[in-house]
Amino acid sequence: RSKEVKRVRVFGRRDILQFQGTIKEVREFTKLAGVQLKVKSENTEDVRGLLPSIPRARKRLTDLLVKHSSNEEVSPGNICEVSLEFGWSPERITTDDNNKVTGVILRQNAITGDLLNPTVTPTDATITVPCSTVVASIGYRVIRLPRVPFCDETHRIPEHLSWVLDRMGGEVVPGLYTSGWAR
């Protein structure tokens, strides 16, 4: 392709301690050639202080995430920055007159109380993140989305190699992809 992905931003509603990925998944990002993982959280220092008191599996994952939290620029030689940014909820996807994605509006969340079991409260602060592609991955159950093919038998989105198909065994829907448990 003529365009290379330079930046991938993954937004989470809660904070580092509620991250639902696995240590294996995070480690894979740290080993990808040409990729730099960055973690952004308002509570990094508080989380560091909790590390000795949290269960081992969660501690190892959280420690790895905290080690990658910084505001440093992408290192030379890295062609893509992948950032995990905590404390943001999607509000709306913005589009142009041709219905092409132009960005996403996110609302900042206040993470308060016990960091192991926090209260998440939307604030008045919002940001608009310019982008041309939005991938939503919320929850653990596939739900029917408007204008997205869905198989009632399997409760999955019909796909081949992550390309969405118009029906099971059908044709590729240009520009539409699926991943994870939705496949």
N, C-alpha and C. Protein backbone atom coordinates (compact mmCIF):
# COMPACT_ATOMS: atom_id res chain seq x y z
N ARG A 1 0.84 -1.19 0.00
CA ARG A 1 0.00 0.00 0.00
C ARG A 1 0.87 1.24 0.00
N SER A 2 0.31 2.32 -0.52
CA SER A 2 1.07 3.56 -0.56
C SER A 2 1.08 4.28 0.78
N LYS A 3 0.12 3.97 1.63
CA LYS A 3 0.06 4.61 2.94
C LYS A 3 0.51 3.62 4.01
N GLU A 4 1.39 4.07 4.88
CA GLU A 4 1.80 3.25 6.01
C GLU A 4 1.12 3.79 7.25
N VAL A 5 0.72 2.89 8.12
CA VAL A 5 0.12 3.30 9.38
C VAL A 5 1.23 3.85 10.25
N LYS A 6 1.08 5.09 10.70
CA LYS A 6 2.10 5.74 11.53
C LYS A 6 1.71 5.74 13.00
N ARG A 7 0.40 5.68 13.26
CA ARG A 7 -0.04 5.80 14.64
C ARG A 7 -1.36 5.06 14.84
N VAL A 8 -1.40 4.26 15.90
CA VAL A 8 -2.62 3.57 16.30
C VAL A 8 -2.90 3.97 17.74
N ARG A 9 -4.09 4.50 17.98
CA ARG A 9 -4.44 4.91 19.34
C ARG A 9 -5.59 4.04 19.82
N VAL A 10 -5.39 3.39 20.97
CA VAL A 10 -6.40 2.53 21.58
C VAL A 10 -6.85 3.22 22.86
N PHE A 11 -8.15 3.50 22.95
CA PHE A 11 -8.69 4.22 24.10
C PHE A 11 -9.47 3.27 24.99
N GLY A 12 -9.23 3.39 26.30
CA GLY A 12 -9.96 2.59 27.29
C GLY A 12 -10.73 3.49 28.23
N ARG A 13 -11.93 3.05 28.59
CA ARG A 13 -12.81 3.84 29.45
C ARG A 13 -12.30 3.91 30.89
N ARG A 14 -11.69 2.85 31.33
CA ARG A 14 -11.21 2.80 32.71
C ARG A 14 -9.72 3.09 32.77
N ASP A 15 -8.99 2.47 33.69
CA ASP A 15 -7.57 2.78 33.87
C ASP A 15 -6.72 1.51 33.72
N ILE A 16 -5.42 1.66 33.90
CA ILE A 16 -4.47 0.57 33.69
C ILE A 16 -4.86 -0.69 34.46
N LEU A 17 -5.28 -0.55 35.69
CA LEU A 17 -5.59 -1.72 36.52
C LEU A 17 -6.80 -2.49 36.03
N GLN A 18 -7.60 -1.91 35.16
CA GLN A 18 -8.77 -2.59 34.62
C GLN A 18 -8.54 -3.08 33.19
N PHE A 19 -7.33 -2.90 32.68
CA PHE A 19 -6.99 -3.32 31.32
C PHE A 19 -7.30 -4.80 31.16
N GLN A 20 -8.01 -5.18 30.09
CA GLN A 20 -8.45 -6.56 29.91
C GLN A 20 -7.60 -7.38 28.96
N GLY A 21 -6.51 -6.81 28.43
CA GLY A 21 -5.61 -7.59 27.59
C GLY A 21 -4.78 -8.53 28.44
N THR A 22 -4.00 -9.36 27.76
CA THR A 22 -3.14 -10.29 28.47
C THR A 22 -1.69 -9.81 28.40
N ILE A 23 -0.86 -10.33 29.31
CA ILE A 23 0.54 -9.96 29.29
C ILE A 23 1.19 -10.42 27.97
N LYS A 24 0.75 -11.54 27.44
CA LYS A 24 1.28 -12.03 26.16
C LYS A 24 0.98 -11.03 25.04
N GLU A 25 -0.24 -10.50 25.00
CA GLU A 25 -0.60 -9.53 23.96
C GLU A 25 0.24 -8.26 24.07
N VAL A 26 0.43 -7.77 25.28
CA VAL A 26 1.23 -6.56 25.48
C VAL A 26 2.68 -6.82 25.10
N ARG A 27 3.22 -7.95 25.52
CA ARG A 27 4.61 -8.29 25.17
C ARG A 27 4.81 -8.37 23.66
N GLU A 28 3.82 -8.89 22.94
CA GLU A 28 3.93 -8.98 21.48
C GLU A 28 4.10 -7.58 20.88
N PHE A 29 3.36 -6.60 21.39
CA PHE A 29 3.52 -5.23 20.90
C PHE A 29 4.93 -4.71 21.16
N THR A 30 5.49 -5.08 22.30
CA THR A 30 6.83 -4.57 22.63
C THR A 30 7.91 -5.21 21.77
N LYS A 31 7.60 -6.34 21.12
CA LYS A 31 8.59 -7.05 20.31
C LYS A 31 8.43 -6.83 18.81
N LEU A 32 7.37 -6.17 18.39
CA LEU A 32 7.14 -5.95 16.96
C LEU A 32 8.19 -5.00 16.40
N ALA A 33 8.84 -5.41 15.34
CA ALA A 33 9.84 -4.55 14.69
C ALA A 33 9.15 -3.31 14.13
N GLY A 34 9.75 -2.15 14.40
CA GLY A 34 9.23 -0.90 13.85
C GLY A 34 8.03 -0.34 14.60
N VAL A 35 7.72 -0.90 15.76
CA VAL A 35 6.56 -0.44 16.55
C VAL A 35 7.03 -0.03 17.93
N GLN A 36 6.52 1.08 18.40
CA GLN A 36 6.80 1.52 19.77
C GLN A 36 5.49 1.60 20.54
N LEU A 37 5.42 0.89 21.65
CA LEU A 37 4.24 0.91 22.51
C LEU A 37 4.37 2.02 23.53
N LYS A 38 3.32 2.82 23.67
CA LYS A 38 3.27 3.86 24.71
C LYS A 38 1.97 3.70 25.47
N VAL A 39 2.02 3.93 26.77
CA VAL A 39 0.85 3.84 27.63
C VAL A 39 0.63 5.19 28.27
N LYS A 40 -0.61 5.69 28.17
CA LYS A 40 -0.92 7.01 28.74
C LYS A 40 -2.03 6.88 29.77
N SER A 41 -1.73 7.30 30.98
CA SER A 41 -2.69 7.25 32.08
C SER A 41 -2.40 8.38 33.05
N GLU A 42 -3.45 8.97 33.59
CA GLU A 42 -3.28 10.02 34.60
C GLU A 42 -2.83 9.46 35.94
N ASN A 43 -3.04 8.16 36.17
CA ASN A 43 -2.81 7.56 37.48
C ASN A 43 -1.58 6.68 37.56
N THR A 44 -0.63 6.84 36.64
CA THR A 44 0.53 5.95 36.60
C THR A 44 1.29 5.91 37.92
N GLU A 45 1.56 7.07 38.50
CA GLU A 45 2.34 7.10 39.75
C GLU A 45 1.59 6.42 40.89
N ASP A 46 0.28 6.65 40.99
CA ASP A 46 -0.51 5.98 42.03
C ASP A 46 -0.50 4.47 41.84
N VAL A 47 -0.60 4.04 40.58
CA VAL A 47 -0.60 2.61 40.27
C VAL A 47 0.75 1.99 40.65
N ARG A 48 1.84 2.68 40.38
CA ARG A 48 3.18 2.17 40.76
C ARG A 48 3.21 1.83 42.26
N GLY A 49 2.63 2.68 43.06
CA GLY A 49 2.62 2.46 44.50
C GLY A 49 1.80 1.26 44.93
N LEU A 50 0.82 0.86 44.11
CA LEU A 50 -0.03 -0.29 44.43
C LEU A 50 0.56 -1.62 43.99
N LEU A 51 1.57 -1.59 43.13
CA LEU A 51 2.10 -2.83 42.55
C LEU A 51 2.41 -3.92 43.58
N PRO A 52 3.07 -3.59 44.71
CA PRO A 52 3.40 -4.66 45.66
C PRO A 52 2.17 -5.35 46.26
N SER A 53 1.02 -4.69 46.25
CA SER A 53 -0.15 -5.25 46.93
C SER A 53 -1.16 -5.95 46.02
N ILE A 54 -0.92 -5.98 44.72
CA ILE A 54 -1.91 -6.59 43.84
C ILE A 54 -1.49 -8.02 43.47
N PRO A 55 -2.47 -8.87 43.10
CA PRO A 55 -2.16 -10.27 42.78
C PRO A 55 -1.11 -10.39 41.67
N ARG A 56 -0.33 -11.48 41.72
CA ARG A 56 0.84 -11.64 40.86
C ARG A 56 0.55 -11.44 39.36
N ALA A 57 -0.46 -12.12 38.82
CA ALA A 57 -0.75 -12.02 37.38
C ALA A 57 -1.08 -10.58 37.00
N ARG A 58 -1.92 -9.95 37.77
CA ARG A 58 -2.30 -8.56 37.49
C ARG A 58 -1.10 -7.65 37.69
N LYS A 59 -0.26 -7.95 38.69
CA LYS A 59 0.93 -7.14 38.95
C LYS A 59 1.88 -7.18 37.76
N ARG A 60 2.14 -8.37 37.20
CA ARG A 60 3.07 -8.50 36.07
C ARG A 60 2.56 -7.71 34.85
N LEU A 61 1.28 -7.83 34.56
CA LEU A 61 0.71 -7.10 33.42
C LEU A 61 0.76 -5.60 33.67
N THR A 62 0.36 -5.18 34.86
CA THR A 62 0.33 -3.75 35.19
C THR A 62 1.74 -3.17 35.18
N ASP A 63 2.71 -3.90 35.71
CA ASP A 63 4.09 -3.44 35.73
C ASP A 63 4.59 -3.23 34.29
N LEU A 64 4.27 -4.14 33.40
CA LEU A 64 4.68 -4.01 32.00
C LEU A 64 4.05 -2.77 31.38
N LEU A 65 2.77 -2.53 31.66
CA LEU A 65 2.10 -1.33 31.12
C LEU A 65 2.72 -0.06 31.68
N VAL A 66 2.98 -0.04 32.98
CA VAL A 66 3.57 1.14 33.62
C VAL A 66 4.96 1.43 33.04
N LYS A 67 5.73 0.38 32.76
CA LYS A 67 7.07 0.57 32.19
C LYS A 67 7.01 1.27 30.83
N HIS A 68 5.90 1.15 30.15
CA HIS A 68 5.76 1.76 28.83
C HIS A 68 5.00 3.08 28.89
N SER A 69 4.77 3.59 30.08
CA SER A 69 4.08 4.87 30.19
C SER A 69 5.09 6.00 30.19
N SER A 70 4.99 6.83 29.19
CA SER A 70 5.88 7.99 29.08
C SER A 70 5.31 8.93 28.04
N ASN A 71 5.86 10.10 27.99
CA ASN A 71 5.46 11.07 26.98
C ASN A 71 6.57 11.29 25.97
N GLU A 72 7.48 10.32 25.88
CA GLU A 72 8.59 10.45 24.94
C GLU A 72 8.08 10.36 23.51
N GLU A 73 8.82 10.99 22.62
CA GLU A 73 8.49 10.92 21.20
C GLU A 73 8.84 9.52 20.69
N VAL A 74 8.29 9.17 19.54
CA VAL A 74 8.60 7.88 18.93
C VAL A 74 10.08 7.84 18.59
N SER A 75 10.75 6.77 18.96
CA SER A 75 12.18 6.63 18.70
C SER A 75 12.46 6.55 17.20
N PRO A 76 13.59 7.09 16.77
CA PRO A 76 13.96 6.96 15.36
C PRO A 76 14.03 5.49 14.97
N GLY A 77 13.58 5.17 13.78
CA GLY A 77 13.57 3.79 13.32
C GLY A 77 12.25 3.11 13.58
N ASN A 78 11.47 3.61 14.53
CA ASN A 78 10.14 3.06 14.74
C ASN A 78 9.20 3.74 13.77
N ILE A 79 8.49 2.95 13.00
CA ILE A 79 7.62 3.54 11.99
C ILE A 79 6.19 3.69 12.46
N CYS A 80 5.84 3.03 13.56
CA CYS A 80 4.46 3.10 14.03
C CYS A 80 4.42 3.20 15.56
N GLU A 81 3.67 4.14 16.04
CA GLU A 81 3.44 4.28 17.49
C GLU A 81 2.08 3.70 17.81
N VAL A 82 2.04 2.77 18.77
CA VAL A 82 0.78 2.23 19.27
C VAL A 82 0.64 2.74 20.69
N SER A 83 -0.41 3.51 20.95
CA SER A 83 -0.60 4.03 22.29
C SER A 83 -1.88 3.50 22.91
N LEU A 84 -1.77 3.09 24.17
CA LEU A 84 -2.93 2.69 24.97
C LEU A 84 -3.22 3.88 25.87
N GLU A 85 -4.40 4.48 25.69
CA GLU A 85 -4.74 5.71 26.41
C GLU A 85 -5.97 5.46 27.26
N PHE A 86 -5.78 5.61 28.56
CA PHE A 86 -6.83 5.25 29.51
C PHE A 86 -7.62 6.47 29.98
N GLY A 87 -8.88 6.24 30.33
CA GLY A 87 -9.72 7.29 30.90
C GLY A 87 -10.53 8.06 29.87
N TRP A 88 -10.87 7.43 28.73
CA TRP A 88 -11.63 8.11 27.67
C TRP A 88 -12.77 7.22 27.18
N SER A 89 -13.93 7.82 26.97
CA SER A 89 -15.08 7.09 26.41
C SER A 89 -15.47 7.70 25.07
N PRO A 90 -15.77 6.87 24.08
CA PRO A 90 -16.20 7.40 22.79
C PRO A 90 -17.57 8.05 22.90
N GLU A 91 -17.71 9.22 22.29
CA GLU A 91 -18.99 9.92 22.26
C GLU A 91 -19.65 9.81 20.89
N ARG A 92 -18.82 10.06 19.85
CA ARG A 92 -19.39 10.11 18.51
C ARG A 92 -18.28 10.00 17.47
N ILE A 93 -18.61 9.37 16.36
CA ILE A 93 -17.71 9.31 15.21
C ILE A 93 -18.12 10.43 14.27
N THR A 94 -17.15 11.20 13.80
CA THR A 94 -17.45 12.30 12.87
C THR A 94 -17.15 11.84 11.44
N THR A 95 -17.94 12.36 10.50
CA THR A 95 -17.78 11.99 9.10
C THR A 95 -17.88 13.23 8.22
N ASP A 96 -17.42 13.09 6.98
CA ASP A 96 -17.54 14.19 6.02
C ASP A 96 -18.85 14.04 5.23
N ASP A 97 -19.01 14.88 4.21
CA ASP A 97 -20.24 14.85 3.41
C ASP A 97 -20.43 13.54 2.65
N ASN A 98 -19.34 12.80 2.46
CA ASN A 98 -19.41 11.51 1.75
C ASN A 98 -19.51 10.34 2.72
N ASN A 99 -19.77 10.63 3.98
CA ASN A 99 -19.90 9.64 5.04
C ASN A 99 -18.60 8.87 5.31
N LYS A 100 -17.46 9.48 5.02
CA LYS A 100 -16.15 8.90 5.35
C LYS A 100 -15.75 9.38 6.73
N VAL A 101 -15.17 8.49 7.51
CA VAL A 101 -14.75 8.82 8.88
C VAL A 101 -13.69 9.92 8.83
N THR A 102 -13.90 10.95 9.68
CA THR A 102 -12.90 12.03 9.80
C THR A 102 -12.33 12.11 11.21
N GLY A 103 -13.00 11.49 12.17
CA GLY A 103 -12.50 11.55 13.53
C GLY A 103 -13.45 10.89 14.52
N VAL A 104 -13.04 10.95 15.78
CA VAL A 104 -13.88 10.44 16.86
C VAL A 104 -13.80 11.44 18.01
N ILE A 105 -14.95 11.71 18.60
CA ILE A 105 -15.02 12.60 19.76
C ILE A 105 -15.04 11.73 21.01
N LEU A 106 -14.11 12.01 21.93
CA LEU A 106 -13.98 11.25 23.17
C LEU A 106 -14.23 12.15 24.36
N ARG A 107 -14.85 11.59 25.39
CA ARG A 107 -15.07 12.31 26.65
C ARG A 107 -14.13 11.74 27.70
N GLN A 108 -13.46 12.64 28.42
CA GLN A 108 -12.55 12.20 29.47
C GLN A 108 -13.34 11.74 30.68
N ASN A 109 -12.84 10.70 31.31
CA ASN A 109 -13.46 10.17 32.52
C ASN A 109 -12.61 10.51 33.73
N ALA A 110 -13.25 10.81 34.83
CA ALA A 110 -12.56 10.96 36.10
C ALA A 110 -12.53 9.57 36.74
N ILE A 111 -11.35 9.12 37.10
CA ILE A 111 -11.17 7.82 37.76
C ILE A 111 -10.93 8.13 39.23
N THR A 112 -11.90 7.80 40.07
CA THR A 112 -11.81 8.17 41.48
C THR A 112 -12.03 6.96 42.38
N GLY A 113 -11.73 7.15 43.64
CA GLY A 113 -11.92 6.09 44.62
C GLY A 113 -10.78 5.09 44.59
N ASP A 114 -11.09 3.89 45.00
CA ASP A 114 -10.11 2.80 45.06
C ASP A 114 -9.68 2.45 43.64
N LEU A 115 -8.39 2.55 43.33
CA LEU A 115 -7.91 2.29 41.98
C LEU A 115 -8.09 0.83 41.56
N LEU A 116 -8.23 -0.09 42.52
CA LEU A 116 -8.49 -1.48 42.17
C LEU A 116 -9.94 -1.70 41.79
N ASN A 117 -10.83 -0.85 42.26
CA ASN A 117 -12.25 -0.93 41.93
C ASN A 117 -12.79 0.49 41.83
N PRO A 118 -12.37 1.23 40.80
CA PRO A 118 -12.65 2.67 40.74
C PRO A 118 -14.06 3.01 40.33
N THR A 119 -14.39 4.26 40.60
CA THR A 119 -15.61 4.85 40.07
C THR A 119 -15.20 5.65 38.84
N VAL A 120 -15.91 5.44 37.75
CA VAL A 120 -15.63 6.14 36.51
C VAL A 120 -16.77 7.11 36.25
N THR A 121 -16.43 8.40 36.18
CA THR A 121 -17.44 9.43 35.99
C THR A 121 -17.05 10.31 34.80
N PRO A 122 -17.97 10.46 33.83
CA PRO A 122 -17.65 11.35 32.70
C PRO A 122 -17.46 12.79 33.17
N THR A 123 -16.51 13.48 32.56
CA THR A 123 -16.28 14.89 32.86
C THR A 123 -16.82 15.72 31.71
N ASP A 124 -16.62 17.03 31.78
CA ASP A 124 -17.04 17.91 30.69
C ASP A 124 -15.99 17.99 29.58
N ALA A 125 -14.80 17.47 29.83
CA ALA A 125 -13.70 17.58 28.86
C ALA A 125 -13.87 16.59 27.71
N THR A 126 -13.73 17.09 26.50
CA THR A 126 -13.77 16.24 25.32
C THR A 126 -12.59 16.57 24.41
N ILE A 127 -12.23 15.62 23.58
CA ILE A 127 -11.24 15.85 22.54
C ILE A 127 -11.77 15.26 21.25
N THR A 128 -11.33 15.81 20.15
CA THR A 128 -11.62 15.22 18.85
C THR A 128 -10.32 14.69 18.29
N VAL A 129 -10.30 13.42 18.00
CA VAL A 129 -9.12 12.77 17.46
C VAL A 129 -9.34 12.57 15.96
N PRO A 130 -8.56 13.29 15.14
CA PRO A 130 -8.70 13.09 13.69
C PRO A 130 -8.23 11.69 13.31
N CYS A 131 -9.00 11.02 12.46
CA CYS A 131 -8.61 9.69 12.00
C CYS A 131 -9.43 9.32 10.76
N SER A 132 -8.98 8.29 10.08
CA SER A 132 -9.71 7.82 8.91
C SER A 132 -10.30 6.43 9.13
N THR A 133 -9.94 5.79 10.25
CA THR A 133 -10.44 4.46 10.55
C THR A 133 -10.74 4.37 12.04
N VAL A 134 -11.88 3.77 12.38
CA VAL A 134 -12.25 3.53 13.77
C VAL A 134 -12.56 2.05 13.91
N VAL A 135 -11.95 1.41 14.90
CA VAL A 135 -12.22 0.01 15.20
C VAL A 135 -12.82 -0.02 16.60
N ALA A 136 -14.05 -0.50 16.70
CA ALA A 136 -14.70 -0.58 18.01
C ALA A 136 -14.61 -2.00 18.53
N SER A 137 -14.24 -2.14 19.78
CA SER A 137 -14.16 -3.45 20.42
C SER A 137 -14.62 -3.27 21.85
N ILE A 138 -15.91 -3.36 22.03
CA ILE A 138 -16.49 -3.10 23.34
C ILE A 138 -17.30 -4.31 23.76
N GLY A 139 -16.98 -4.88 24.89
CA GLY A 139 -17.74 -6.01 25.40
C GLY A 139 -17.22 -7.34 24.89
N TYR A 140 -18.01 -8.39 25.15
CA TYR A 140 -17.60 -9.75 24.79
C TYR A 140 -18.66 -10.45 23.95
N ARG A 141 -19.66 -9.74 23.50
CA ARG A 141 -20.73 -10.34 22.74
C ARG A 141 -20.93 -9.56 21.46
N VAL A 142 -21.07 -10.25 20.36
CA VAL A 142 -21.30 -9.58 19.09
C VAL A 142 -22.76 -9.16 19.02
N ILE A 143 -22.98 -7.91 18.70
CA ILE A 143 -24.35 -7.43 18.50
C ILE A 143 -24.50 -6.98 17.05
N ARG A 144 -25.71 -7.04 16.57
CA ARG A 144 -25.99 -6.62 15.21
C ARG A 144 -25.81 -5.10 15.12
N LEU A 145 -25.05 -4.67 14.12
CA LEU A 145 -24.81 -3.25 13.88
C LEU A 145 -25.47 -2.85 12.57
N PRO A 146 -25.96 -1.61 12.47
CA PRO A 146 -26.58 -1.18 11.21
C PRO A 146 -25.59 -1.29 10.05
N ARG A 147 -26.04 -1.81 8.95
CA ARG A 147 -25.29 -1.92 7.70
C ARG A 147 -24.05 -2.81 7.79
N VAL A 148 -23.94 -3.64 8.84
CA VAL A 148 -22.83 -4.59 8.96
C VAL A 148 -23.43 -6.00 8.90
N PRO A 149 -22.97 -6.83 7.95
CA PRO A 149 -23.51 -8.19 7.85
C PRO A 149 -23.37 -8.95 9.17
N PHE A 150 -24.34 -9.83 9.43
CA PHE A 150 -24.37 -10.58 10.69
C PHE A 150 -24.96 -11.95 10.41
N CYS A 151 -24.38 -12.99 10.99
CA CYS A 151 -24.87 -14.35 10.84
C CYS A 151 -25.64 -14.74 12.10
N ASP A 152 -26.96 -14.93 11.95
CA ASP A 152 -27.80 -15.29 13.10
C ASP A 152 -27.47 -16.68 13.64
N GLU A 153 -26.99 -17.58 12.78
CA GLU A 153 -26.64 -18.93 13.20
C GLU A 153 -25.45 -18.97 14.15
N THR A 154 -24.39 -18.26 13.77
CA THR A 154 -23.16 -18.31 14.55
C THR A 154 -23.00 -17.14 15.52
N HIS A 155 -23.87 -16.13 15.38
CA HIS A 155 -23.76 -14.90 16.17
C HIS A 155 -22.40 -14.25 15.97
N ARG A 156 -21.94 -14.26 14.75
CA ARG A 156 -20.66 -13.66 14.37
C ARG A 156 -20.84 -12.82 13.10
N ILE A 157 -19.83 -12.04 12.82
CA ILE A 157 -19.80 -11.27 11.59
C ILE A 157 -19.13 -12.16 10.54
N PRO A 158 -19.79 -12.42 9.39
CA PRO A 158 -19.14 -13.27 8.38
C PRO A 158 -17.85 -12.62 7.88
N GLU A 159 -16.77 -13.41 7.84
CA GLU A 159 -15.47 -12.85 7.47
C GLU A 159 -14.58 -13.91 6.86
N HIS A 160 -13.55 -13.43 6.20
CA HIS A 160 -12.46 -14.28 5.70
C HIS A 160 -11.18 -13.49 5.88
N LEU A 161 -10.26 -14.02 6.70
CA LEU A 161 -8.99 -13.34 7.00
C LEU A 161 -9.22 -11.92 7.50
N SER A 162 -10.25 -11.74 8.32
CA SER A 162 -10.65 -10.46 8.94
C SER A 162 -11.39 -9.50 8.01
N TRP A 163 -11.48 -9.81 6.72
CA TRP A 163 -12.29 -8.98 5.81
C TRP A 163 -13.75 -9.36 6.02
N VAL A 164 -14.64 -8.40 6.25
CA VAL A 164 -16.05 -8.68 6.42
C VAL A 164 -16.64 -9.09 5.06
N LEU A 165 -17.47 -10.14 5.09
CA LEU A 165 -18.15 -10.62 3.89
C LEU A 165 -19.61 -10.21 3.92
N ASP A 166 -20.23 -10.07 2.76
CA ASP A 166 -21.63 -9.66 2.72
C ASP A 166 -22.58 -10.73 3.26
N ARG A 167 -22.11 -12.00 3.31
CA ARG A 167 -22.85 -13.13 3.89
C ARG A 167 -21.84 -14.26 4.08
N MET A 168 -22.20 -15.30 4.79
CA MET A 168 -21.29 -16.44 4.98
C MET A 168 -20.88 -16.97 3.60
N GLY A 169 -19.56 -17.04 3.36
CA GLY A 169 -19.04 -17.52 2.09
C GLY A 169 -19.23 -16.55 0.94
N GLY A 170 -19.63 -15.31 1.26
CA GLY A 170 -19.94 -14.32 0.23
C GLY A 170 -18.75 -13.49 -0.21
N GLU A 171 -19.07 -12.30 -0.70
CA GLU A 171 -18.07 -11.37 -1.22
C GLU A 171 -17.59 -10.41 -0.13
N VAL A 172 -16.36 -9.93 -0.30
CA VAL A 172 -15.76 -8.98 0.64
C VAL A 172 -16.50 -7.64 0.56
N VAL A 173 -16.76 -7.05 1.75
CA VAL A 173 -17.32 -5.69 1.83
C VAL A 173 -16.12 -4.74 1.92
N PRO A 174 -15.87 -3.94 0.87
CA PRO A 174 -14.68 -3.08 0.86
C PRO A 174 -14.62 -2.14 2.07
N GLY A 175 -13.43 -2.08 2.70
CA GLY A 175 -13.19 -1.14 3.80
C GLY A 175 -13.76 -1.56 5.13
N LEU A 176 -14.28 -2.79 5.26
CA LEU A 176 -14.88 -3.23 6.51
C LEU A 176 -14.14 -4.48 7.01
N TYR A 177 -13.68 -4.44 8.27
CA TYR A 177 -12.88 -5.51 8.85
C TYR A 177 -13.45 -5.89 10.20
N THR A 178 -13.08 -7.07 10.67
CA THR A 178 -13.49 -7.52 11.99
C THR A 178 -12.30 -8.21 12.66
N SER A 179 -12.36 -8.35 13.98
CA SER A 179 -11.26 -8.99 14.68
C SER A 179 -11.76 -9.67 15.95
N GLY A 180 -10.86 -10.41 16.58
CA GLY A 180 -11.13 -10.99 17.90
C GLY A 180 -12.34 -11.90 17.92
N TRP A 181 -13.10 -11.79 18.98
CA TRP A 181 -14.24 -12.68 19.21
C TRP A 181 -15.40 -12.42 18.25
N ALA A 182 -15.39 -11.35 17.48
CA ALA A 182 -16.46 -11.08 16.52
C ALA A 182 -16.33 -11.93 15.27
N ARG A 183 -15.16 -12.55 15.07
CA ARG A 183 -14.90 -13.34 13.86
C ARG A 183 -15.51 -14.71 13.96
